[in-house]
Amino acid sequence: MLDIVKEKALALAEAIVELEEYREFIEMEKKLKEDEVAQKLLAEFHRKQQDFVSKQMSGEFDQDLLNELSEIQSKLSVRESVVNFLDAYNRLLSILSEVFEVISERINIDIAEIYRRY
């Protein structure tokens, strides 16, 4: 029986790979990776975000660092490669959410809720 479930899961994965939304996501991800400016901004954002979280965890609030993060985020939000990637990602995520919802309803287990709890 497990083999049948795995076979159907593979068929579902193949169907997802055939979706226009999936292909567009892959294309936009490629373009984002090729955008050197966006990659540098993302790397800088992640570094500063880690610094900010570390400081917060030790009880320190760094307004200057928060301002720098906001500035980088503003720059990222107008980069075409970032906007297109996020749009494609959100469309694909919406479809995958619907698929998980259908599965959850059918097996009467809220998969997303279990994931959030643990």
N, C-alpha and C. Protein backbone atom coordinates (compact mmCIF):
# COMPACT_ATOMS: atom_id res chain seq x y z
N MET A 1 0.82 -1.20 0.00
CA MET A 1 0.00 0.00 0.00
C MET A 1 0.86 1.26 0.00
N LEU A 2 1.97 1.25 0.78
CA LEU A 2 2.85 2.42 0.82
C LEU A 2 3.43 2.71 -0.55
N ASP A 3 3.72 1.66 -1.32
CA ASP A 3 4.25 1.86 -2.67
C ASP A 3 3.25 2.61 -3.56
N ILE A 4 1.97 2.31 -3.40
CA ILE A 4 0.93 2.99 -4.18
C ILE A 4 0.88 4.47 -3.81
N VAL A 5 0.97 4.76 -2.50
CA VAL A 5 0.95 6.15 -2.04
C VAL A 5 2.16 6.90 -2.59
N LYS A 6 3.33 6.28 -2.53
CA LYS A 6 4.54 6.92 -3.06
C LYS A 6 4.41 7.15 -4.56
N GLU A 7 3.83 6.19 -5.26
CA GLU A 7 3.65 6.33 -6.70
C GLU A 7 2.73 7.51 -7.02
N LYS A 8 1.67 7.64 -6.26
CA LYS A 8 0.74 8.75 -6.46
C LYS A 8 1.38 10.09 -6.07
N ALA A 9 2.23 10.07 -5.04
CA ALA A 9 2.95 11.28 -4.65
C ALA A 9 3.89 11.71 -5.77
N LEU A 10 4.56 10.76 -6.38
CA LEU A 10 5.43 11.07 -7.52
C LEU A 10 4.63 11.63 -8.69
N ALA A 11 3.44 11.08 -8.92
CA ALA A 11 2.58 11.58 -9.99
C ALA A 11 2.15 13.02 -9.68
N LEU A 12 1.84 13.29 -8.42
CA LEU A 12 1.47 14.65 -8.02
C LEU A 12 2.65 15.60 -8.24
N ALA A 13 3.84 15.16 -7.84
CA ALA A 13 5.04 15.98 -8.03
C ALA A 13 5.26 16.26 -9.52
N GLU A 14 5.08 15.28 -10.35
CA GLU A 14 5.24 15.47 -11.79
C GLU A 14 4.20 16.45 -12.33
N ALA A 15 2.98 16.37 -11.82
CA ALA A 15 1.93 17.29 -12.26
C ALA A 15 2.28 18.72 -11.85
N ILE A 16 2.84 18.88 -10.66
CA ILE A 16 3.23 20.21 -10.18
C ILE A 16 4.35 20.78 -11.06
N VAL A 17 5.32 19.93 -11.39
CA VAL A 17 6.44 20.36 -12.23
C VAL A 17 5.95 20.82 -13.61
N GLU A 18 4.84 20.29 -14.05
CA GLU A 18 4.29 20.66 -15.36
C GLU A 18 3.49 21.96 -15.33
N LEU A 19 3.19 22.47 -14.15
CA LEU A 19 2.41 23.70 -14.05
C LEU A 19 3.18 24.90 -14.59
N GLU A 20 2.45 25.78 -15.25
CA GLU A 20 3.04 27.03 -15.73
C GLU A 20 3.61 27.83 -14.56
N GLU A 21 2.89 27.84 -13.43
CA GLU A 21 3.34 28.57 -12.25
C GLU A 21 4.67 28.05 -11.73
N TYR A 22 4.87 26.74 -11.80
CA TYR A 22 6.14 26.15 -11.36
C TYR A 22 7.27 26.56 -12.31
N ARG A 23 7.00 26.44 -13.61
CA ARG A 23 8.03 26.79 -14.60
C ARG A 23 8.41 28.27 -14.48
N GLU A 24 7.41 29.11 -14.26
CA GLU A 24 7.69 30.53 -14.12
C GLU A 24 8.50 30.80 -12.83
N PHE A 25 8.16 30.10 -11.76
CA PHE A 25 8.91 30.24 -10.52
C PHE A 25 10.39 29.90 -10.74
N ILE A 26 10.64 28.79 -11.41
CA ILE A 26 12.02 28.37 -11.68
C ILE A 26 12.76 29.42 -12.53
N GLU A 27 12.07 29.96 -13.53
CA GLU A 27 12.67 30.99 -14.38
C GLU A 27 12.98 32.27 -13.59
N MET A 28 12.04 32.68 -12.74
CA MET A 28 12.25 33.91 -11.96
C MET A 28 13.34 33.70 -10.90
N GLU A 29 13.43 32.50 -10.36
CA GLU A 29 14.49 32.19 -9.41
C GLU A 29 15.86 32.29 -10.10
N LYS A 30 15.94 31.77 -11.32
CA LYS A 30 17.18 31.84 -12.10
C LYS A 30 17.57 33.30 -12.35
N LYS A 31 16.59 34.11 -12.75
CA LYS A 31 16.88 35.52 -13.02
C LYS A 31 17.30 36.26 -11.75
N LEU A 32 16.70 35.92 -10.63
CA LEU A 32 17.09 36.54 -9.36
C LEU A 32 18.53 36.17 -9.02
N LYS A 33 18.89 34.91 -9.21
CA LYS A 33 20.26 34.47 -8.92
C LYS A 33 21.28 35.15 -9.83
N GLU A 34 20.85 35.50 -11.04
CA GLU A 34 21.75 36.17 -11.99
C GLU A 34 21.87 37.67 -11.74
N ASP A 35 21.00 38.21 -10.93
CA ASP A 35 21.00 39.65 -10.63
C ASP A 35 22.02 39.91 -9.51
N GLU A 36 23.21 40.33 -9.91
CA GLU A 36 24.30 40.52 -8.94
C GLU A 36 23.97 41.58 -7.89
N VAL A 37 23.33 42.64 -8.29
CA VAL A 37 22.96 43.70 -7.35
C VAL A 37 22.00 43.16 -6.30
N ALA A 38 20.98 42.44 -6.76
CA ALA A 38 20.01 41.87 -5.82
C ALA A 38 20.69 40.87 -4.89
N GLN A 39 21.60 40.06 -5.42
CA GLN A 39 22.28 39.07 -4.59
C GLN A 39 23.11 39.74 -3.50
N LYS A 40 23.79 40.82 -3.85
CA LYS A 40 24.58 41.55 -2.86
C LYS A 40 23.67 42.17 -1.80
N LEU A 41 22.56 42.74 -2.23
CA LEU A 41 21.61 43.33 -1.28
C LEU A 41 21.02 42.26 -0.36
N LEU A 42 20.68 41.11 -0.92
CA LEU A 42 20.12 40.03 -0.11
C LEU A 42 21.14 39.52 0.91
N ALA A 43 22.38 39.37 0.49
CA ALA A 43 23.42 38.92 1.41
C ALA A 43 23.63 39.93 2.53
N GLU A 44 23.66 41.20 2.17
CA GLU A 44 23.82 42.26 3.17
C GLU A 44 22.62 42.27 4.11
N PHE A 45 21.43 42.12 3.57
CA PHE A 45 20.22 42.10 4.38
C PHE A 45 20.26 40.96 5.39
N HIS A 46 20.63 39.77 4.94
CA HIS A 46 20.69 38.61 5.84
C HIS A 46 21.73 38.80 6.94
N ARG A 47 22.88 39.35 6.58
CA ARG A 47 23.91 39.60 7.60
C ARG A 47 23.41 40.58 8.66
N LYS A 48 22.85 41.67 8.20
CA LYS A 48 22.36 42.69 9.13
C LYS A 48 21.17 42.19 9.94
N GLN A 49 20.34 41.38 9.31
CA GLN A 49 19.19 40.81 10.01
C GLN A 49 19.67 39.88 11.15
N GLN A 50 20.68 39.08 10.88
CA GLN A 50 21.24 38.21 11.92
C GLN A 50 21.84 39.03 13.05
N ASP A 51 22.54 40.10 12.71
CA ASP A 51 23.10 40.99 13.73
C ASP A 51 21.98 41.59 14.57
N PHE A 52 20.92 42.04 13.91
CA PHE A 52 19.80 42.66 14.61
C PHE A 52 19.15 41.68 15.58
N VAL A 53 18.90 40.46 15.11
CA VAL A 53 18.28 39.44 15.96
C VAL A 53 19.19 39.08 17.13
N SER A 54 20.48 38.95 16.87
CA SER A 54 21.42 38.65 17.95
C SER A 54 21.39 39.73 19.02
N LYS A 55 21.39 40.97 18.58
CA LYS A 55 21.35 42.09 19.53
C LYS A 55 20.03 42.08 20.31
N GLN A 56 18.94 41.82 19.62
CA GLN A 56 17.64 41.77 20.28
C GLN A 56 17.61 40.68 21.34
N MET A 57 18.19 39.54 21.02
CA MET A 57 18.19 38.42 21.96
C MET A 57 19.00 38.74 23.21
N SER A 58 19.97 39.63 23.08
CA SER A 58 20.76 40.02 24.25
C SER A 58 20.18 41.27 24.92
N GLY A 59 18.97 41.65 24.48
CA GLY A 59 18.29 42.77 25.13
C GLY A 59 18.60 44.14 24.56
N GLU A 60 19.32 44.18 23.45
CA GLU A 60 19.71 45.46 22.85
C GLU A 60 18.83 45.74 21.63
N PHE A 61 18.41 46.98 21.50
CA PHE A 61 17.65 47.40 20.32
C PHE A 61 18.49 48.41 19.57
N ASP A 62 18.82 48.10 18.32
CA ASP A 62 19.68 48.95 17.50
C ASP A 62 18.84 49.62 16.40
N GLN A 63 18.41 50.85 16.67
CA GLN A 63 17.57 51.58 15.72
C GLN A 63 18.30 51.84 14.41
N ASP A 64 19.60 52.13 14.48
CA ASP A 64 20.37 52.39 13.25
C ASP A 64 20.38 51.16 12.35
N LEU A 65 20.57 50.01 12.98
CA LEU A 65 20.59 48.76 12.22
C LEU A 65 19.21 48.48 11.62
N LEU A 66 18.17 48.77 12.38
CA LEU A 66 16.81 48.60 11.87
C LEU A 66 16.57 49.53 10.68
N ASN A 67 17.07 50.75 10.77
CA ASN A 67 16.95 51.69 9.65
C ASN A 67 17.69 51.18 8.41
N GLU A 68 18.88 50.61 8.63
CA GLU A 68 19.65 50.04 7.51
C GLU A 68 18.89 48.89 6.86
N LEU A 69 18.27 48.05 7.69
CA LEU A 69 17.49 46.94 7.16
C LEU A 69 16.32 47.45 6.32
N SER A 70 15.66 48.48 6.81
CA SER A 70 14.53 49.07 6.08
C SER A 70 14.99 49.65 4.74
N GLU A 71 16.15 50.29 4.76
CA GLU A 71 16.68 50.87 3.53
C GLU A 71 17.00 49.79 2.50
N ILE A 72 17.63 48.72 2.95
CA ILE A 72 17.94 47.61 2.04
C ILE A 72 16.66 46.99 1.51
N GLN A 73 15.69 46.81 2.40
CA GLN A 73 14.42 46.23 2.00
C GLN A 73 13.73 47.11 0.94
N SER A 74 13.83 48.42 1.10
CA SER A 74 13.26 49.33 0.10
C SER A 74 13.94 49.17 -1.25
N LYS A 75 15.25 49.03 -1.23
CA LYS A 75 15.99 48.83 -2.48
C LYS A 75 15.60 47.51 -3.15
N LEU A 76 15.44 46.48 -2.32
CA LEU A 76 15.05 45.17 -2.86
C LEU A 76 13.64 45.20 -3.45
N SER A 77 12.77 45.95 -2.80
CA SER A 77 11.36 45.94 -3.21
C SER A 77 11.12 46.59 -4.56
N VAL A 78 12.11 47.29 -5.10
CA VAL A 78 11.95 47.90 -6.42
C VAL A 78 12.79 47.20 -7.50
N ARG A 79 13.55 46.18 -7.10
CA ARG A 79 14.32 45.42 -8.09
C ARG A 79 13.38 44.50 -8.85
N GLU A 80 13.38 44.59 -10.14
CA GLU A 80 12.47 43.80 -10.97
C GLU A 80 12.63 42.30 -10.71
N SER A 81 13.87 41.85 -10.58
CA SER A 81 14.09 40.42 -10.37
C SER A 81 13.49 39.94 -9.04
N VAL A 82 13.55 40.79 -8.03
CA VAL A 82 13.00 40.44 -6.72
C VAL A 82 11.47 40.43 -6.78
N VAL A 83 10.90 41.47 -7.36
CA VAL A 83 9.44 41.58 -7.47
C VAL A 83 8.88 40.40 -8.27
N ASN A 84 9.50 40.09 -9.40
CA ASN A 84 9.03 38.98 -10.23
C ASN A 84 9.17 37.64 -9.52
N PHE A 85 10.29 37.45 -8.81
CA PHE A 85 10.49 36.21 -8.07
C PHE A 85 9.42 36.05 -7.00
N LEU A 86 9.19 37.09 -6.22
CA LEU A 86 8.20 37.01 -5.14
C LEU A 86 6.80 36.77 -5.69
N ASP A 87 6.48 37.38 -6.80
CA ASP A 87 5.18 37.18 -7.42
C ASP A 87 5.02 35.72 -7.85
N ALA A 88 6.02 35.18 -8.53
CA ALA A 88 5.97 33.79 -8.98
C ALA A 88 5.94 32.84 -7.79
N TYR A 89 6.73 33.14 -6.77
CA TYR A 89 6.76 32.31 -5.55
C TYR A 89 5.38 32.28 -4.89
N ASN A 90 4.76 33.43 -4.76
CA ASN A 90 3.44 33.50 -4.11
C ASN A 90 2.37 32.76 -4.91
N ARG A 91 2.43 32.84 -6.24
CA ARG A 91 1.46 32.10 -7.06
C ARG A 91 1.65 30.59 -6.89
N LEU A 92 2.90 30.14 -6.89
CA LEU A 92 3.17 28.71 -6.71
C LEU A 92 2.77 28.28 -5.29
N LEU A 93 3.10 29.08 -4.31
CA LEU A 93 2.75 28.76 -2.93
C LEU A 93 1.24 28.65 -2.75
N SER A 94 0.50 29.49 -3.42
CA SER A 94 -0.96 29.45 -3.35
C SER A 94 -1.49 28.11 -3.87
N ILE A 95 -0.94 27.65 -4.97
CA ILE A 95 -1.35 26.37 -5.54
C ILE A 95 -0.98 25.23 -4.59
N LEU A 96 0.24 25.26 -4.07
CA LEU A 96 0.67 24.19 -3.16
C LEU A 96 -0.17 24.19 -1.88
N SER A 97 -0.56 25.38 -1.42
CA SER A 97 -1.43 25.46 -0.25
C SER A 97 -2.77 24.81 -0.53
N GLU A 98 -3.31 25.04 -1.72
CA GLU A 98 -4.57 24.41 -2.09
C GLU A 98 -4.43 22.89 -2.12
N VAL A 99 -3.31 22.40 -2.64
CA VAL A 99 -3.07 20.95 -2.69
C VAL A 99 -3.02 20.37 -1.28
N PHE A 100 -2.28 21.03 -0.38
CA PHE A 100 -2.20 20.55 0.99
C PHE A 100 -3.55 20.61 1.69
N GLU A 101 -4.33 21.62 1.35
CA GLU A 101 -5.67 21.75 1.94
C GLU A 101 -6.56 20.60 1.50
N VAL A 102 -6.50 20.24 0.22
CA VAL A 102 -7.29 19.11 -0.29
C VAL A 102 -6.87 17.82 0.42
N ILE A 103 -5.57 17.62 0.56
CA ILE A 103 -5.08 16.42 1.25
C ILE A 103 -5.52 16.42 2.70
N SER A 104 -5.36 17.56 3.36
CA SER A 104 -5.75 17.68 4.77
C SER A 104 -7.23 17.36 4.97
N GLU A 105 -8.07 17.91 4.10
CA GLU A 105 -9.50 17.65 4.22
C GLU A 105 -9.82 16.17 4.01
N ARG A 106 -9.17 15.57 3.04
CA ARG A 106 -9.46 14.17 2.70
C ARG A 106 -9.03 13.22 3.81
N ILE A 107 -7.88 13.50 4.45
CA ILE A 107 -7.41 12.59 5.51
C ILE A 107 -7.83 13.06 6.89
N ASN A 108 -8.54 14.19 6.91
CA ASN A 108 -9.08 14.74 8.16
C ASN A 108 -7.98 15.08 9.17
N ILE A 109 -6.86 15.57 8.66
CA ILE A 109 -5.76 16.04 9.51
C ILE A 109 -5.29 17.37 8.94
N ASP A 110 -5.24 18.38 9.78
CA ASP A 110 -4.78 19.69 9.34
C ASP A 110 -3.25 19.69 9.35
N ILE A 111 -2.66 19.40 8.22
CA ILE A 111 -1.21 19.28 8.10
C ILE A 111 -0.53 20.58 8.48
N ALA A 112 -1.07 21.70 8.03
CA ALA A 112 -0.46 23.01 8.32
C ALA A 112 -0.49 23.29 9.82
N GLU A 113 -1.58 22.95 10.47
CA GLU A 113 -1.69 23.19 11.91
C GLU A 113 -0.68 22.35 12.69
N ILE A 114 -0.52 21.12 12.30
CA ILE A 114 0.47 20.25 12.96
C ILE A 114 1.86 20.82 12.77
N TYR A 115 2.17 21.29 11.57
CA TYR A 115 3.47 21.88 11.28
C TYR A 115 3.72 23.12 12.15
N ARG A 116 2.70 23.96 12.28
CA ARG A 116 2.84 25.18 13.09
C ARG A 116 3.06 24.86 14.57
N ARG A 117 2.45 23.81 15.04
CA ARG A 117 2.56 23.46 16.46
C ARG A 117 3.96 22.97 16.84
N TYR A 118 4.60 22.31 15.92
CA TYR A 118 5.89 21.69 16.25
C TYR A 118 6.95 22.28 15.41
